[in-house]
Amino acid sequence: MRSRSTAPAIIATNDGLAARMPDAVQSVIEGAGHMAPITHPKPVAEVVRELLERS
């Protein structure tokens, strides 16, 4: 999970990790920052729910 405004180095790191991990997914939470579970609980919960449904 990350924000659209995440630093480019972090996005590149996430992209590299996701490319190496089978079934990895990346999610973007609009307007979220470091504390997304607290500031954006509903979108974070939706991402977690979707992940759990895939497992």
PDB file of N, CA and C in Angstrom:
ATOM      1  N   MET A   1       0.833  -1.168   0.000  1.00  0.00           N
ATOM      2  CA  MET A   1       0.000   0.000   0.000  1.00  0.00           C
ATOM      3  C   MET A   1       0.882   1.237   0.000  1.00  0.00           C
ATOM      4  N   ARG A   2       0.453   2.201  -0.774  1.00  0.00           N
ATOM      5  CA  ARG A   2       1.173   3.464  -0.794  1.00  0.00           C
ATOM      6  C   ARG A   2       0.236   4.547  -1.285  1.00  0.00           C
ATOM      7  N   SER A   3       0.719   5.759  -1.198  1.00  0.00           N
ATOM      8  CA  SER A   3      -0.014   6.915  -1.702  1.00  0.00           C
ATOM      9  C   SER A   3       0.467   7.227  -3.120  1.00  0.00           C
ATOM     10  N   ARG A   4      -0.318   7.943  -3.862  1.00  0.00           N
ATOM     11  CA  ARG A   4       0.111   8.369  -5.196  1.00  0.00           C
ATOM     12  C   ARG A   4       1.309   9.326  -5.089  1.00  0.00           C
ATOM     13  N   SER A   5       1.405  10.029  -3.965  1.00  0.00           N
ATOM     14  CA  SER A   5       2.487  11.003  -3.789  1.00  0.00           C
ATOM     15  C   SER A   5       3.720  10.414  -3.073  1.00  0.00           C
ATOM     16  N   THR A   6       3.802   9.109  -2.981  1.00  0.00           N
ATOM     17  CA  THR A   6       4.962   8.465  -2.375  1.00  0.00           C
ATOM     18  C   THR A   6       6.223   8.838  -3.146  1.00  0.00           C
ATOM     19  N   ALA A   7       7.327   8.947  -2.429  1.00  0.00           N
ATOM     20  CA  ALA A   7       8.606   9.310  -3.048  1.00  0.00           C
ATOM     21  C   ALA A   7       8.978   8.318  -4.155  1.00  0.00           C
ATOM     22  N   PRO A   8       9.523   8.811  -5.256  1.00  0.00           N
ATOM     23  CA  PRO A   8       9.882   7.936  -6.374  1.00  0.00           C
ATOM     24  C   PRO A   8      10.782   6.758  -5.978  1.00  0.00           C
ATOM     25  N   ALA A   9      11.699   6.960  -5.053  1.00  0.00           N
ATOM     26  CA  ALA A   9      12.580   5.860  -4.630  1.00  0.00           C
ATOM     27  C   ALA A   9      11.786   4.738  -3.969  1.00  0.00           C
ATOM     28  N   ILE A  10      10.761   5.089  -3.215  1.00  0.00           N
ATOM     29  CA  ILE A  10       9.930   4.076  -2.558  1.00  0.00           C
ATOM     30  C   ILE A  10       9.083   3.344  -3.593  1.00  0.00           C
ATOM     31  N   ILE A  11       8.562   4.081  -4.558  1.00  0.00           N
ATOM     32  CA  ILE A  11       7.778   3.444  -5.622  1.00  0.00           C
ATOM     33  C   ILE A  11       8.654   2.454  -6.384  1.00  0.00           C
ATOM     34  N   ALA A  12       9.874   2.845  -6.706  1.00  0.00           N
ATOM     35  CA  ALA A  12      10.789   1.947  -7.420  1.00  0.00           C
ATOM     36  C   ALA A  12      11.107   0.717  -6.579  1.00  0.00           C
ATOM     37  N   THR A  13      11.279   0.900  -5.283  1.00  0.00           N
ATOM     38  CA  THR A  13      11.531  -0.236  -4.392  1.00  0.00           C
ATOM     39  C   THR A  13      10.337  -1.170  -4.376  1.00  0.00           C
ATOM     40  N   ASN A  14       9.135  -0.613  -4.235  1.00  0.00           N
ATOM     41  CA  ASN A  14       7.923  -1.439  -4.254  1.00  0.00           C
ATOM     42  C   ASN A  14       7.792  -2.187  -5.578  1.00  0.00           C
ATOM     43  N   ASP A  15       8.046  -1.501  -6.684  1.00  0.00           N
ATOM     44  CA  ASP A  15       7.968  -2.141  -8.000  1.00  0.00           C
ATOM     45  C   ASP A  15       8.951  -3.302  -8.096  1.00  0.00           C
ATOM     46  N   GLY A  16      10.177  -3.094  -7.618  1.00  0.00           N
ATOM     47  CA  GLY A  16      11.186  -4.144  -7.667  1.00  0.00           C
ATOM     48  C   GLY A  16      10.814  -5.343  -6.815  1.00  0.00           C
ATOM     49  N   LEU A  17      10.308  -5.097  -5.623  1.00  0.00           N
ATOM     50  CA  LEU A  17       9.886  -6.199  -4.759  1.00  0.00           C
ATOM     51  C   LEU A  17       8.705  -6.953  -5.363  1.00  0.00           C
ATOM     52  N   ALA A  18       7.723  -6.213  -5.851  1.00  0.00           N
ATOM     53  CA  ALA A  18       6.542  -6.853  -6.429  1.00  0.00           C
ATOM     54  C   ALA A  18       6.900  -7.706  -7.643  1.00  0.00           C
ATOM     55  N   ALA A  19       7.887  -7.270  -8.408  1.00  0.00           N
ATOM     56  CA  ALA A  19       8.303  -8.033  -9.588  1.00  0.00           C
ATOM     57  C   ALA A  19       8.948  -9.360  -9.200  1.00  0.00           C
ATOM     58  N   ARG A  20       9.469  -9.443  -7.994  1.00  0.00           N
ATOM     59  CA  ARG A  20      10.174 -10.648  -7.546  1.00  0.00           C
ATOM     60  C   ARG A  20       9.319 -11.565  -6.672  1.00  0.00           C
ATOM     61  N   MET A  21       8.150 -11.117  -6.313  1.00  0.00           N
ATOM     62  CA  MET A  21       7.298 -11.878  -5.393  1.00  0.00           C
ATOM     63  C   MET A  21       6.064 -12.387  -6.136  1.00  0.00           C
ATOM     64  N   PRO A  22       5.930 -13.689  -6.243  1.00  0.00           N
ATOM     65  CA  PRO A  22       4.764 -14.242  -6.939  1.00  0.00           C
ATOM     66  C   PRO A  22       3.458 -13.762  -6.289  1.00  0.00           C
ATOM     67  N   ASP A  23       2.520 -13.399  -7.104  1.00  0.00           N
ATOM     68  CA  ASP A  23       1.185 -12.978  -6.658  1.00  0.00           C
ATOM     69  C   ASP A  23       1.170 -11.676  -5.858  1.00  0.00           C
ATOM     70  N   ALA A  24       2.254 -10.919  -5.873  1.00  0.00           N
ATOM     71  CA  ALA A  24       2.270  -9.643  -5.155  1.00  0.00           C
ATOM     72  C   ALA A  24       1.361  -8.643  -5.856  1.00  0.00           C
ATOM     73  N   VAL A  25       0.740  -7.799  -5.070  1.00  0.00           N
ATOM     74  CA  VAL A  25      -0.087  -6.722  -5.607  1.00  0.00           C
ATOM     75  C   VAL A  25       0.314  -5.422  -4.928  1.00  0.00           C
ATOM     76  N   GLN A  26       0.121  -4.337  -5.629  1.00  0.00           N
ATOM     77  CA  GLN A  26       0.354  -3.020  -5.065  1.00  0.00           C
ATOM     78  C   GLN A  26      -0.962  -2.254  -5.084  1.00  0.00           C
ATOM     79  N   SER A  27      -1.179  -1.496  -4.039  1.00  0.00           N
ATOM     80  CA  SER A  27      -2.399  -0.704  -3.936  1.00  0.00           C
ATOM     81  C   SER A  27      -2.036   0.738  -3.643  1.00  0.00           C
ATOM     82  N   VAL A  28      -2.772   1.645  -4.266  1.00  0.00           N
ATOM     83  CA  VAL A  28      -2.569   3.076  -4.055  1.00  0.00           C
ATOM     84  C   VAL A  28      -3.794   3.621  -3.327  1.00  0.00           C
ATOM     85  N   ILE A  29      -3.553   4.238  -2.174  1.00  0.00           N
ATOM     86  CA  ILE A  29      -4.610   4.867  -1.395  1.00  0.00           C
ATOM     87  C   ILE A  29      -4.485   6.372  -1.612  1.00  0.00           C
ATOM     88  N   GLU A  30      -5.442   6.950  -2.310  1.00  0.00           N
ATOM     89  CA  GLU A  30      -5.397   8.380  -2.620  1.00  0.00           C
ATOM     90  C   GLU A  30      -5.338   9.219  -1.353  1.00  0.00           C
ATOM     91  N   GLY A  31      -4.395  10.136  -1.306  1.00  0.00           N
ATOM     92  CA  GLY A  31      -4.280  11.074  -0.204  1.00  0.00           C
ATOM     93  C   GLY A  31      -3.691  10.515   1.071  1.00  0.00           C
ATOM     94  N   ALA A  32      -3.359   9.236   1.073  1.00  0.00           N
ATOM     95  CA  ALA A  32      -2.827   8.615   2.285  1.00  0.00           C
ATOM     96  C   ALA A  32      -1.355   8.949   2.454  1.00  0.00           C
ATOM     97  N   GLY A  33      -0.927   8.872   3.686  1.00  0.00           N
ATOM     98  CA  GLY A  33       0.478   9.068   4.007  1.00  0.00           C
ATOM     99  C   GLY A  33       0.977   7.883   4.811  1.00  0.00           C
ATOM    100  N   HIS A  34       1.934   8.140   5.661  1.00  0.00           N
ATOM    101  CA  HIS A  34       2.570   7.089   6.443  1.00  0.00           C
ATOM    102  C   HIS A  34       1.594   6.370   7.381  1.00  0.00           C
ATOM    103  N   MET A  35       0.591   7.060   7.861  1.00  0.00           N
ATOM    104  CA  MET A  35      -0.344   6.477   8.823  1.00  0.00           C
ATOM    105  C   MET A  35      -1.694   6.154   8.185  1.00  0.00           C
ATOM    106  N   ALA A  36      -1.666   5.612   6.995  1.00  0.00           N
ATOM    107  CA  ALA A  36      -2.891   5.337   6.239  1.00  0.00           C
ATOM    108  C   ALA A  36      -3.936   4.547   7.028  1.00  0.00           C
ATOM    109  N   PRO A  37      -3.571   3.529   7.812  1.00  0.00           N
ATOM    110  CA  PRO A  37      -4.612   2.810   8.549  1.00  0.00           C
ATOM    111  C   PRO A  37      -5.397   3.691   9.524  1.00  0.00           C
ATOM    112  N   ILE A  38      -4.772   4.768   9.979  1.00  0.00           N
ATOM    113  CA  ILE A  38      -5.451   5.666  10.907  1.00  0.00           C
ATOM    114  C   ILE A  38      -6.187   6.773  10.157  1.00  0.00           C
ATOM    115  N   THR A  39      -5.549   7.338   9.142  1.00  0.00           N
ATOM    116  CA  THR A  39      -6.151   8.466   8.434  1.00  0.00           C
ATOM    117  C   THR A  39      -7.140   8.050   7.359  1.00  0.00           C
ATOM    118  N   HIS A  40      -6.985   6.843   6.811  1.00  0.00           N
ATOM    119  CA  HIS A  40      -7.840   6.355   5.729  1.00  0.00           C
ATOM    120  C   HIS A  40      -8.267   4.906   6.015  1.00  0.00           C
ATOM    121  N   PRO A  41      -8.946   4.652   7.138  1.00  0.00           N
ATOM    122  CA  PRO A  41      -9.237   3.273   7.534  1.00  0.00           C
ATOM    123  C   PRO A  41     -10.118   2.494   6.553  1.00  0.00           C
ATOM    124  N   LYS A  42     -11.085   3.151   5.954  1.00  0.00           N
ATOM    125  CA  LYS A  42     -11.982   2.416   5.042  1.00  0.00           C
ATOM    126  C   LYS A  42     -11.255   1.939   3.778  1.00  0.00           C
ATOM    127  N   PRO A  43     -10.500   2.791   3.080  1.00  0.00           N
ATOM    128  CA  PRO A  43      -9.778   2.291   1.906  1.00  0.00           C
ATOM    129  C   PRO A  43      -8.740   1.226   2.266  1.00  0.00           C
ATOM    130  N   VAL A  44      -8.077   1.376   3.408  1.00  0.00           N
ATOM    131  CA  VAL A  44      -7.101   0.373   3.833  1.00  0.00           C
ATOM    132  C   VAL A  44      -7.811  -0.949   4.116  1.00  0.00           C
ATOM    133  N   ALA A  45      -8.935  -0.886   4.800  1.00  0.00           N
ATOM    134  CA  ALA A  45      -9.696  -2.103   5.096  1.00  0.00           C
ATOM    135  C   ALA A  45     -10.149  -2.798   3.815  1.00  0.00           C
ATOM    136  N   GLU A  46     -10.532  -2.022   2.814  1.00  0.00           N
ATOM    137  CA  GLU A  46     -10.945  -2.609   1.531  1.00  0.00           C
ATOM    138  C   GLU A  46      -9.786  -3.343   0.863  1.00  0.00           C
ATOM    139  N   VAL A  47      -8.604  -2.748   0.887  1.00  0.00           N
ATOM    140  CA  VAL A  47      -7.424  -3.386   0.301  1.00  0.00           C
ATOM    141  C   VAL A  47      -7.104  -4.687   1.046  1.00  0.00           C
ATOM    142  N   VAL A  48      -7.166  -4.644   2.366  1.00  0.00           N
ATOM    143  CA  VAL A  48      -6.876  -5.842   3.167  1.00  0.00           C
ATOM    144  C   VAL A  48      -7.933  -6.912   2.897  1.00  0.00           C
ATOM    145  N   ARG A  49      -9.202  -6.504   2.815  1.00  0.00           N
ATOM    146  CA  ARG A  49     -10.276  -7.466   2.523  1.00  0.00           C
ATOM    147  C   ARG A  49     -10.044  -8.149   1.183  1.00  0.00           C
ATOM    148  N   GLU A  50      -9.702  -7.382   0.162  1.00  0.00           N
ATOM    149  CA  GLU A  50      -9.443  -7.957  -1.159  1.00  0.00           C
ATOM    150  C   GLU A  50      -8.267  -8.923  -1.110  1.00  0.00           C
ATOM    151  N   LEU A  51      -7.228  -8.571  -0.361  1.00  0.00           N
ATOM    152  CA  LEU A  51      -6.072  -9.453  -0.228  1.00  0.00           C
ATOM    153  C   LEU A  51      -6.466 -10.763   0.446  1.00  0.00           C
ATOM    154  N   LEU A  52      -7.237 -10.676   1.517  1.00  0.00           N
ATOM    155  CA  LEU A  52      -7.661 -11.883   2.217  1.00  0.00           C
ATOM    156  C   LEU A  52      -8.559 -12.764   1.350  1.00  0.00           C
ATOM    157  N   GLU A  53      -9.381 -12.140   0.525  1.00  0.00           N
ATOM    158  CA  GLU A  53     -10.244 -12.911  -0.382  1.00  0.00           C
ATOM    159  C   GLU A  53      -9.428 -13.687  -1.419  1.00  0.00           C
ATOM    160  N   ARG A  54      -8.258 -13.164  -1.760  1.00  0.00           N
ATOM    161  CA  ARG A  54      -7.400 -13.835  -2.746  1.00  0.00           C
ATOM    162  C   ARG A  54      -6.665 -15.029  -2.140  1.00  0.00           C
ATOM    163  N   SER A  55      -6.535 -15.054  -0.818  1.00  0.00           N
ATOM    164  CA  SER A  55      -5.727 -16.112  -0.190  1.00  0.00           C
ATOM    165  C   SER A  55      -6.518 -17.345   0.140  1.00  0.00           C
TER     166      SER A  55
END
